[in-house]
Amino acid sequence: MDLQFSGDIWHWRGPAPWYFVTVPEPECDTLRSWSYASYGWGMIPVVARIGGTEWETSLWPKDGRYVVPLKAHVRRAEQLDEGGTVAVRLAVRLPE
C-alpha cells in the first residue's frame, strides 16, 4: 500500500528529541484498515520518501493517529526544519 500526503514538521522536545510529520486522519483510517502490517505498540513499518531522500522507518502511533519520524540525515539532505510543510510518500512494508 502506498500513501501520499503533505504535513507540517514538528519537534518533540523530550529526553530524546525527534522531528515528526503527522499523518492526516483519512490516511490514518486507511492504515488502520491494514492493521495486519503493524507490530509492537502499533508501529507500522514503511519506506518513506521526501523529495529525493528515501529511508526505512516505522510510523509511531500518537494521540489516535500516526507520525512519521524524520531522521537527521533526511532533514539535512532535504534542508528541512520545524514548521516547514513537506510532501511525504509512504510504502507500507508487509511483515514477512
PDB file of N, CA and C in Angstrom:
ATOM      1  N   MET A   1       0.841  -1.174   0.000  1.00  0.00           N
ATOM      2  CA  MET A   1       0.000   0.000   0.000  1.00  0.00           C
ATOM      3  C   MET A   1       0.887   1.238   0.000  1.00  0.00           C
ATOM      4  N   ASP A   2       0.566   2.188  -0.848  1.00  0.00           N
ATOM      5  CA  ASP A   2       1.290   3.449  -0.928  1.00  0.00           C
ATOM      6  C   ASP A   2       0.354   4.595  -0.558  1.00  0.00           C
ATOM      7  N   LEU A   3       0.874   5.564   0.167  1.00  0.00           N
ATOM      8  CA  LEU A   3       0.117   6.753   0.553  1.00  0.00           C
ATOM      9  C   LEU A   3       0.939   7.996   0.250  1.00  0.00           C
ATOM     10  N   GLN A   4       0.252   9.087  -0.071  1.00  0.00           N
ATOM     11  CA  GLN A   4       0.902  10.379  -0.270  1.00  0.00           C
ATOM     12  C   GLN A   4       0.100  11.441   0.466  1.00  0.00           C
ATOM     13  N   PHE A   5       0.793  12.367   1.107  1.00  0.00           N
ATOM     14  CA  PHE A   5       0.125  13.447   1.817  1.00  0.00           C
ATOM     15  C   PHE A   5       1.138  14.551   2.084  1.00  0.00           C
ATOM     16  N   SER A   6       0.647  15.693   2.535  1.00  0.00           N
ATOM     17  CA  SER A   6       1.501  16.802   2.965  1.00  0.00           C
ATOM     18  C   SER A   6       1.236  17.065   4.434  1.00  0.00           C
ATOM     19  N   GLY A   7       2.268  17.526   5.125  1.00  0.00           N
ATOM     20  CA  GLY A   7       2.105  17.834   6.536  1.00  0.00           C
ATOM     21  C   GLY A   7       3.219  18.737   7.023  1.00  0.00           C
ATOM     22  N   ASP A   8       2.981  19.312   8.197  1.00  0.00           N
ATOM     23  CA  ASP A   8       3.954  20.219   8.806  1.00  0.00           C
ATOM     24  C   ASP A   8       4.913  19.445   9.709  1.00  0.00           C
ATOM     25  N   ILE A   9       6.157  19.872   9.713  1.00  0.00           N
ATOM     26  CA  ILE A   9       7.188  19.269  10.568  1.00  0.00           C
ATOM     27  C   ILE A   9       7.074  19.872  11.957  1.00  0.00           C
ATOM     28  N   TRP A  10       7.062  19.007  12.971  1.00  0.00           N
ATOM     29  CA  TRP A  10       7.048  19.486  14.357  1.00  0.00           C
ATOM     30  C   TRP A  10       8.120  18.763  15.151  1.00  0.00           C
ATOM     31  N   HIS A  11       8.553  19.412  16.220  1.00  0.00           N
ATOM     32  CA  HIS A  11       9.668  18.926  17.026  1.00  0.00           C
ATOM     33  C   HIS A  11       9.167  18.527  18.400  1.00  0.00           C
ATOM     34  N   TRP A  12       9.439  17.296  18.783  1.00  0.00           N
ATOM     35  CA  TRP A  12       9.132  16.837  20.135  1.00  0.00           C
ATOM     36  C   TRP A  12      10.396  17.014  20.954  1.00  0.00           C
ATOM     37  N   ARG A  13      10.319  17.807  21.998  1.00  0.00           N
ATOM     38  CA  ARG A  13      11.498  18.165  22.778  1.00  0.00           C
ATOM     39  C   ARG A  13      11.625  17.339  24.044  1.00  0.00           C
ATOM     40  N   GLY A  14      11.399  16.047  23.928  1.00  0.00           N
ATOM     41  CA  GLY A  14      11.512  15.167  25.092  1.00  0.00           C
ATOM     42  C   GLY A  14      12.958  14.843  25.408  1.00  0.00           C
ATOM     43  N   PRO A  15      13.158  13.863  26.286  1.00  0.00           N
ATOM     44  CA  PRO A  15      14.522  13.476  26.662  1.00  0.00           C
ATOM     45  C   PRO A  15      15.336  12.979  25.461  1.00  0.00           C
ATOM     46  N   ALA A  16      14.657  12.443  24.469  1.00  0.00           N
ATOM     47  CA  ALA A  16      15.302  12.049  23.212  1.00  0.00           C
ATOM     48  C   ALA A  16      14.548  12.782  22.106  1.00  0.00           C
ATOM     49  N   PRO A  17      14.917  14.024  21.784  1.00  0.00           N
ATOM     50  CA  PRO A  17      14.143  14.844  20.844  1.00  0.00           C
ATOM     51  C   PRO A  17      14.086  14.243  19.440  1.00  0.00           C
ATOM     52  N   TRP A  18      12.938  14.417  18.794  1.00  0.00           N
ATOM     53  CA  TRP A  18      12.715  13.936  17.436  1.00  0.00           C
ATOM     54  C   TRP A  18      11.897  14.956  16.665  1.00  0.00           C
ATOM     55  N   TYR A  19      11.995  14.900  15.343  1.00  0.00           N
ATOM     56  CA  TYR A  19      11.146  15.661  14.445  1.00  0.00           C
ATOM     57  C   TYR A  19      10.174  14.698  13.787  1.00  0.00           C
ATOM     58  N   PHE A  20       8.939  15.149  13.568  1.00  0.00           N
ATOM     59  CA  PHE A  20       7.891  14.295  13.016  1.00  0.00           C
ATOM     60  C   PHE A  20       7.040  15.072  12.024  1.00  0.00           C
ATOM     61  N   VAL A  21       6.300  14.303  11.213  1.00  0.00           N
ATOM     62  CA  VAL A  21       5.186  14.800  10.414  1.00  0.00           C
ATOM     63  C   VAL A  21       4.000  13.910  10.776  1.00  0.00           C
ATOM     64  N   THR A  22       2.868  14.522  11.108  1.00  0.00           N
ATOM     65  CA  THR A  22       1.677  13.757  11.462  1.00  0.00           C
ATOM     66  C   THR A  22       0.930  13.341  10.200  1.00  0.00           C
ATOM     67  N   VAL A  23       0.545  12.076  10.148  1.00  0.00           N
ATOM     68  CA  VAL A  23      -0.230  11.549   9.025  1.00  0.00           C
ATOM     69  C   VAL A  23      -1.669  12.061   9.164  1.00  0.00           C
ATOM     70  N   PRO A  24      -2.263  12.640   8.096  1.00  0.00           N
ATOM     71  CA  PRO A  24      -3.637  13.140   8.174  1.00  0.00           C
ATOM     72  C   PRO A  24      -4.637  12.013   8.485  1.00  0.00           C
ATOM     73  N   GLU A  25      -5.763  12.399   9.052  1.00  0.00           N
ATOM     74  CA  GLU A  25      -6.766  11.427   9.500  1.00  0.00           C
ATOM     75  C   GLU A  25      -7.245  10.467   8.401  1.00  0.00           C
ATOM     76  N   PRO A  26      -7.560  10.931   7.180  1.00  0.00           N
ATOM     77  CA  PRO A  26      -8.017   9.970   6.162  1.00  0.00           C
ATOM     78  C   PRO A  26      -6.975   8.873   5.881  1.00  0.00           C
ATOM     79  N   GLU A  27      -5.702   9.244   5.841  1.00  0.00           N
ATOM     80  CA  GLU A  27      -4.653   8.262   5.600  1.00  0.00           C
ATOM     81  C   GLU A  27      -4.471   7.350   6.825  1.00  0.00           C
ATOM     82  N   CYS A  28      -4.683   7.897   8.023  1.00  0.00           N
ATOM     83  CA  CYS A  28      -4.633   7.060   9.234  1.00  0.00           C
ATOM     84  C   CYS A  28      -5.731   6.003   9.199  1.00  0.00           C
ATOM     85  N   ASP A  29      -6.930   6.399   8.732  1.00  0.00           N
ATOM     86  CA  ASP A  29      -8.022   5.430   8.603  1.00  0.00           C
ATOM     87  C   ASP A  29      -7.631   4.300   7.656  1.00  0.00           C
ATOM     88  N   THR A  30      -6.992   4.655   6.553  1.00  0.00           N
ATOM     89  CA  THR A  30      -6.533   3.633   5.601  1.00  0.00           C
ATOM     90  C   THR A  30      -5.501   2.723   6.262  1.00  0.00           C
ATOM     91  N   LEU A  31      -4.558   3.300   6.988  1.00  0.00           N
ATOM     92  CA  LEU A  31      -3.536   2.500   7.665  1.00  0.00           C
ATOM     93  C   LEU A  31      -4.159   1.560   8.701  1.00  0.00           C
ATOM     94  N   ARG A  32      -5.135   2.049   9.442  1.00  0.00           N
ATOM     95  CA  ARG A  32      -5.794   1.192  10.443  1.00  0.00           C
ATOM     96  C   ARG A  32      -6.506   0.016   9.781  1.00  0.00           C
ATOM     97  N   SER A  33      -7.018   0.216   8.570  1.00  0.00           N
ATOM     98  CA  SER A  33      -7.700  -0.873   7.866  1.00  0.00           C
ATOM     99  C   SER A  33      -6.711  -1.963   7.444  1.00  0.00           C
ATOM    100  N   TRP A  34      -5.417  -1.636   7.446  1.00  0.00           N
ATOM    101  CA  TRP A  34      -4.354  -2.591   7.124  1.00  0.00           C
ATOM    102  C   TRP A  34      -3.606  -2.984   8.386  1.00  0.00           C
ATOM    103  N   SER A  35      -4.301  -3.143   9.489  1.00  0.00           N
ATOM    104  CA  SER A  35      -3.666  -3.332  10.798  1.00  0.00           C
ATOM    105  C   SER A  35      -2.756  -4.562  10.858  1.00  0.00           C
ATOM    106  N   TYR A  36      -2.914  -5.519   9.953  1.00  0.00           N
ATOM    107  CA  TYR A  36      -2.039  -6.692   9.987  1.00  0.00           C
ATOM    108  C   TYR A  36      -0.589  -6.331   9.685  1.00  0.00           C
ATOM    109  N   ALA A  37      -0.355  -5.106   9.223  1.00  0.00           N
ATOM    110  CA  ALA A  37       1.007  -4.689   8.900  1.00  0.00           C
ATOM    111  C   ALA A  37       1.750  -4.155  10.125  1.00  0.00           C
ATOM    112  N   SER A  38       1.053  -4.003  11.258  1.00  0.00           N
ATOM    113  CA  SER A  38       1.700  -3.394  12.424  1.00  0.00           C
ATOM    114  C   SER A  38       2.408  -4.430  13.283  1.00  0.00           C
ATOM    115  N   TYR A  39       3.297  -3.945  14.130  1.00  0.00           N
ATOM    116  CA  TYR A  39       3.980  -4.784  15.099  1.00  0.00           C
ATOM    117  C   TYR A  39       4.090  -3.996  16.388  1.00  0.00           C
ATOM    118  N   GLY A  40       4.619  -4.577  17.443  1.00  0.00           N
ATOM    119  CA  GLY A  40       4.750  -3.986  18.765  1.00  0.00           C
ATOM    120  C   GLY A  40       4.319  -2.540  18.919  1.00  0.00           C
ATOM    121  N   TRP A  41       3.466  -2.262  19.868  1.00  0.00           N
ATOM    122  CA  TRP A  41       2.954  -0.930  20.192  1.00  0.00           C
ATOM    123  C   TRP A  41       2.221  -0.279  19.032  1.00  0.00           C
ATOM    124  N   GLY A  42       1.796  -1.042  18.035  1.00  0.00           N
ATOM    125  CA  GLY A  42       1.051  -0.486  16.915  1.00  0.00           C
ATOM    126  C   GLY A  42       1.894   0.207  15.865  1.00  0.00           C
ATOM    127  N   MET A  43       3.210  -0.012  15.900  1.00  0.00           N
ATOM    128  CA  MET A  43       4.109   0.586  14.910  1.00  0.00           C
ATOM    129  C   MET A  43       3.859  -0.072  13.544  1.00  0.00           C
ATOM    130  N   ILE A  44       4.022   0.707  12.478  1.00  0.00           N
ATOM    131  CA  ILE A  44       3.833   0.192  11.118  1.00  0.00           C
ATOM    132  C   ILE A  44       5.107   0.442  10.329  1.00  0.00           C
ATOM    133  N   PRO A  45       5.762  -0.620   9.849  1.00  0.00           N
ATOM    134  CA  PRO A  45       6.993  -0.439   9.069  1.00  0.00           C
ATOM    135  C   PRO A  45       6.689   0.126   7.678  1.00  0.00           C
ATOM    136  N   VAL A  46       7.467   1.137   7.281  1.00  0.00           N
ATOM    137  CA  VAL A  46       7.263   1.784   5.989  1.00  0.00           C
ATOM    138  C   VAL A  46       8.603   2.136   5.352  1.00  0.00           C
ATOM    139  N   VAL A  47       8.553   2.384   4.065  1.00  0.00           N
ATOM    140  CA  VAL A  47       9.622   3.075   3.357  1.00  0.00           C
ATOM    141  C   VAL A  47       9.054   4.463   3.077  1.00  0.00           C
ATOM    142  N   ALA A  48       9.725   5.481   3.577  1.00  0.00           N
ATOM    143  CA  ALA A  48       9.260   6.863   3.430  1.00  0.00           C
ATOM    144  C   ALA A  48      10.129   7.599   2.419  1.00  0.00           C
ATOM    145  N   ARG A  49       9.525   8.591   1.772  1.00  0.00           N
ATOM    146  CA  ARG A  49      10.267   9.423   0.819  1.00  0.00           C
ATOM    147  C   ARG A  49       9.801  10.863   0.953  1.00  0.00           C
ATOM    148  N   ILE A  50      10.777  11.755   1.069  1.00  0.00           N
ATOM    149  CA  ILE A  50      10.550  13.192   0.991  1.00  0.00           C
ATOM    150  C   ILE A  50      11.567  13.717  -0.006  1.00  0.00           C
ATOM    151  N   GLY A  51      11.077  14.362  -1.052  1.00  0.00           N
ATOM    152  CA  GLY A  51      11.976  14.856  -2.100  1.00  0.00           C
ATOM    153  C   GLY A  51      12.735  13.700  -2.710  1.00  0.00           C
ATOM    154  N   GLY A  52      14.054  13.804  -2.767  1.00  0.00           N
ATOM    155  CA  GLY A  52      14.882  12.745  -3.335  1.00  0.00           C
ATOM    156  C   GLY A  52      15.435  11.776  -2.305  1.00  0.00           C
ATOM    157  N   THR A  53      14.975  11.888  -1.047  1.00  0.00           N
ATOM    158  CA  THR A  53      15.523  11.056   0.028  1.00  0.00           C
ATOM    159  C   THR A  53      14.509   9.997   0.448  1.00  0.00           C
ATOM    160  N   GLU A  54      14.964   8.757   0.449  1.00  0.00           N
ATOM    161  CA  GLU A  54      14.126   7.623   0.844  1.00  0.00           C
ATOM    162  C   GLU A  54      14.798   6.899   2.002  1.00  0.00           C
ATOM    163  N   TRP A  55      13.998   6.437   2.967  1.00  0.00           N
ATOM    164  CA  TRP A  55      14.551   5.719   4.110  1.00  0.00           C
ATOM    165  C   TRP A  55      13.518   4.773   4.690  1.00  0.00           C
ATOM    166  N   GLU A  56      14.015   3.761   5.401  1.00  0.00           N
ATOM    167  CA  GLU A  56      13.141   2.821   6.103  1.00  0.00           C
ATOM    168  C   GLU A  56      12.931   3.322   7.518  1.00  0.00           C
ATOM    169  N   THR A  57      11.696   3.257   7.971  1.00  0.00           N
ATOM    170  CA  THR A  57      11.348   3.680   9.321  1.00  0.00           C
ATOM    171  C   THR A  57      10.064   2.975   9.724  1.00  0.00           C
ATOM    172  N   SER A  58       9.506   3.384  10.826  1.00  0.00           N
ATOM    173  CA  SER A  58       8.201   2.897  11.259  1.00  0.00           C
ATOM    174  C   SER A  58       7.356   4.069  11.692  1.00  0.00           C
ATOM    175  N   LEU A  59       6.076   4.013  11.350  1.00  0.00           N
ATOM    176  CA  LEU A  59       5.128   5.008  11.835  1.00  0.00           C
ATOM    177  C   LEU A  59       4.861   4.733  13.302  1.00  0.00           C
ATOM    178  N   TRP A  60       4.810   5.781  14.091  1.00  0.00           N
ATOM    179  CA  TRP A  60       4.549   5.662  15.520  1.00  0.00           C
ATOM    180  C   TRP A  60       3.112   6.084  15.781  1.00  0.00           C
ATOM    181  N   PRO A  61       2.362   5.306  16.575  1.00  0.00           N
ATOM    182  CA  PRO A  61       1.025   5.764  16.949  1.00  0.00           C
ATOM    183  C   PRO A  61       1.144   6.893  17.977  1.00  0.00           C
ATOM    184  N   LYS A  62       0.341   7.948  17.783  1.00  0.00           N
ATOM    185  CA  LYS A  62       0.342   9.073  18.737  1.00  0.00           C
ATOM    186  C   LYS A  62      -1.015   9.761  18.697  1.00  0.00           C
ATOM    187  N   ASP A  63      -1.659   9.798  19.852  1.00  0.00           N
ATOM    188  CA  ASP A  63      -2.934  10.512  20.005  1.00  0.00           C
ATOM    189  C   ASP A  63      -3.976  10.073  18.976  1.00  0.00           C
ATOM    190  N   GLY A  64      -4.066   8.764  18.717  1.00  0.00           N
ATOM    191  CA  GLY A  64      -5.068   8.238  17.802  1.00  0.00           C
ATOM    192  C   GLY A  64      -4.719   8.368  16.333  1.00  0.00           C
ATOM    193  N   ARG A  65      -3.541   8.862  16.033  1.00  0.00           N
ATOM    194  CA  ARG A  65      -3.079   8.978  14.645  1.00  0.00           C
ATOM    195  C   ARG A  65      -1.695   8.353  14.550  1.00  0.00           C
ATOM    196  N   TYR A  66      -1.028   8.556  13.426  1.00  0.00           N
ATOM    197  CA  TYR A  66       0.345   8.074  13.241  1.00  0.00           C
ATOM    198  C   TYR A  66       1.242   9.256  12.922  1.00  0.00           C
ATOM    199  N   VAL A  67       2.518   9.129  13.286  1.00  0.00           N
ATOM    200  CA  VAL A  67       3.505  10.151  12.952  1.00  0.00           C
ATOM    201  C   VAL A  67       4.689   9.487  12.254  1.00  0.00           C
ATOM    202  N   VAL A  68       5.287  10.247  11.348  1.00  0.00           N
ATOM    203  CA  VAL A  68       6.472   9.805  10.607  1.00  0.00           C
ATOM    204  C   VAL A  68       7.691  10.456  11.254  1.00  0.00           C
ATOM    205  N   PRO A  69       8.613   9.648  11.823  1.00  0.00           N
ATOM    206  CA  PRO A  69       9.830  10.235  12.376  1.00  0.00           C
ATOM    207  C   PRO A  69      10.790  10.632  11.246  1.00  0.00           C
ATOM    208  N   LEU A  70      11.345  11.850  11.353  1.00  0.00           N
ATOM    209  CA  LEU A  70      12.281  12.349  10.341  1.00  0.00           C
ATOM    210  C   LEU A  70      13.700  12.252  10.887  1.00  0.00           C
ATOM    211  N   LYS A  71      14.448  11.327  10.352  1.00  0.00           N
ATOM    212  CA  LYS A  71      15.829  11.133  10.802  1.00  0.00           C
ATOM    213  C   LYS A  71      16.686  12.343  10.429  1.00  0.00           C
ATOM    214  N   ALA A  72      17.762  12.534  11.187  1.00  0.00           N
ATOM    215  CA  ALA A  72      18.644  13.689  10.983  1.00  0.00           C
ATOM    216  C   ALA A  72      19.193  13.729   9.556  1.00  0.00           C
ATOM    217  N   HIS A  73      19.585  12.578   9.003  1.00  0.00           N
ATOM    218  CA  HIS A  73      20.161  12.599   7.648  1.00  0.00           C
ATOM    219  C   HIS A  73      19.129  13.023   6.608  1.00  0.00           C
ATOM    220  N   VAL A  74      17.864  12.740   6.846  1.00  0.00           N
ATOM    221  CA  VAL A  74      16.797  13.166   5.931  1.00  0.00           C
ATOM    222  C   VAL A  74      16.616  14.675   6.029  1.00  0.00           C
ATOM    223  N   ARG A  75      16.575  15.192   7.246  1.00  0.00           N
ATOM    224  CA  ARG A  75      16.409  16.638   7.438  1.00  0.00           C
ATOM    225  C   ARG A  75      17.567  17.408   6.809  1.00  0.00           C
ATOM    226  N   ARG A  76      18.788  16.901   6.971  1.00  0.00           N
ATOM    227  CA  ARG A  76      19.955  17.569   6.364  1.00  0.00           C
ATOM    228  C   ARG A  76      19.888  17.510   4.843  1.00  0.00           C
ATOM    229  N   ALA A  77      19.628  16.319   4.311  1.00  0.00           N
ATOM    230  CA  ALA A  77      19.627  16.139   2.855  1.00  0.00           C
ATOM    231  C   ALA A  77      18.572  16.991   2.170  1.00  0.00           C
ATOM    232  N   GLU A  78      17.420  17.153   2.807  1.00  0.00           N
ATOM    233  CA  GLU A  78      16.317  17.896   2.201  1.00  0.00           C
ATOM    234  C   GLU A  78      16.177  19.310   2.769  1.00  0.00           C
ATOM    235  N   GLN A  79      17.105  19.706   3.645  1.00  0.00           N
ATOM    236  CA  GLN A  79      17.106  21.036   4.268  1.00  0.00           C
ATOM    237  C   GLN A  79      15.763  21.347   4.921  1.00  0.00           C
ATOM    238  N   LEU A  80      15.350  20.443   5.813  1.00  0.00           N
ATOM    239  CA  LEU A  80      14.059  20.553   6.490  1.00  0.00           C
ATOM    240  C   LEU A  80      14.240  21.061   7.907  1.00  0.00           C
ATOM    241  N   ASP A  81      13.243  21.792   8.383  1.00  0.00           N
ATOM    242  CA  ASP A  81      13.264  22.263   9.759  1.00  0.00           C
ATOM    243  C   ASP A  81      11.832  22.370  10.266  1.00  0.00           C
ATOM    244  N   GLU A  82      11.726  22.519  11.558  1.00  0.00           N
ATOM    245  CA  GLU A  82      10.435  22.639  12.224  1.00  0.00           C
ATOM    246  C   GLU A  82       9.592  23.728  11.577  1.00  0.00           C
ATOM    247  N   GLY A  83       8.308  23.431  11.374  1.00  0.00           N
ATOM    248  CA  GLY A  83       7.379  24.393  10.809  1.00  0.00           C
ATOM    249  C   GLY A  83       7.232  24.320   9.307  1.00  0.00           C
ATOM    250  N   GLY A  84       8.180  23.672   8.625  1.00  0.00           N
ATOM    251  CA  GLY A  84       8.076  23.530   7.177  1.00  0.00           C
ATOM    252  C   GLY A  84       7.001  22.514   6.804  1.00  0.00           C
ATOM    253  N   THR A  85       6.434  22.676   5.629  1.00  0.00           N
ATOM    254  CA  THR A  85       5.449  21.724   5.109  1.00  0.00           C
ATOM    255  C   THR A  85       6.123  20.870   4.054  1.00  0.00           C
ATOM    256  N   VAL A  86       5.928  19.557   4.151  1.00  0.00           N
ATOM    257  CA  VAL A  86       6.572  18.631   3.221  1.00  0.00           C
ATOM    258  C   VAL A  86       5.559  17.674   2.610  1.00  0.00           C
ATOM    259  N   ALA A  87       5.870  17.216   1.412  1.00  0.00           N
ATOM    260  CA  ALA A  87       5.107  16.150   0.770  1.00  0.00           C
ATOM    261  C   ALA A  87       5.785  14.829   1.132  1.00  0.00           C
ATOM    262  N   VAL A  88       5.002  13.890   1.628  1.00  0.00           N
ATOM    263  CA  VAL A  88       5.526  12.612   2.103  1.00  0.00           C
ATOM    264  C   VAL A  88       4.900  11.487   1.294  1.00  0.00           C
ATOM    265  N   ARG A  89       5.722  10.516   0.903  1.00  0.00           N
ATOM    266  CA  ARG A  89       5.232   9.286   0.283  1.00  0.00           C
ATOM    267  C   ARG A  89       5.588   8.147   1.193  1.00  0.00           C
ATOM    268  N   LEU A  90       4.656   7.251   1.416  1.00  0.00           N
ATOM    269  CA  LEU A  90       4.883   6.087   2.268  1.00  0.00           C
ATOM    270  C   LEU A  90       4.527   4.818   1.515  1.00  0.00           C
ATOM    271  N   ALA A  91       5.345   3.798   1.663  1.00  0.00           N
ATOM    272  CA  ALA A  91       5.045   2.456   1.165  1.00  0.00           C
ATOM    273  C   ALA A  91       5.091   1.532   2.370  1.00  0.00           C
ATOM    274  N   VAL A  92       3.952   0.954   2.724  1.00  0.00           N
ATOM    275  CA  VAL A  92       3.899   0.054   3.878  1.00  0.00           C
ATOM    276  C   VAL A  92       4.640  -1.225   3.530  1.00  0.00           C
ATOM    277  N   ARG A  93       5.526  -1.637   4.449  1.00  0.00           N
ATOM    278  CA  ARG A  93       6.269  -2.893   4.283  1.00  0.00           C
ATOM    279  C   ARG A  93       5.510  -3.971   5.042  1.00  0.00           C
ATOM    280  N   LEU A  94       5.082  -4.988   4.343  1.00  0.00           N
ATOM    281  CA  LEU A  94       4.356  -6.080   4.980  1.00  0.00           C
ATOM    282  C   LEU A  94       5.310  -7.005   5.703  1.00  0.00           C
ATOM    283  N   PRO A  95       4.894  -7.505   6.880  1.00  0.00           N
ATOM    284  CA  PRO A  95       5.757  -8.427   7.611  1.00  0.00           C
ATOM    285  C   PRO A  95       5.977  -9.711   6.816  1.00  0.00           C
ATOM    286  N   GLU A  96       7.171 -10.265   6.973  1.00  0.00           N
ATOM    287  CA  GLU A  96       7.482 -11.497   6.228  1.00  0.00           C
ATOM    288  C   GLU A  96       7.097 -12.714   7.017  1.00  0.00           C
TER     289      GLU A  96
END
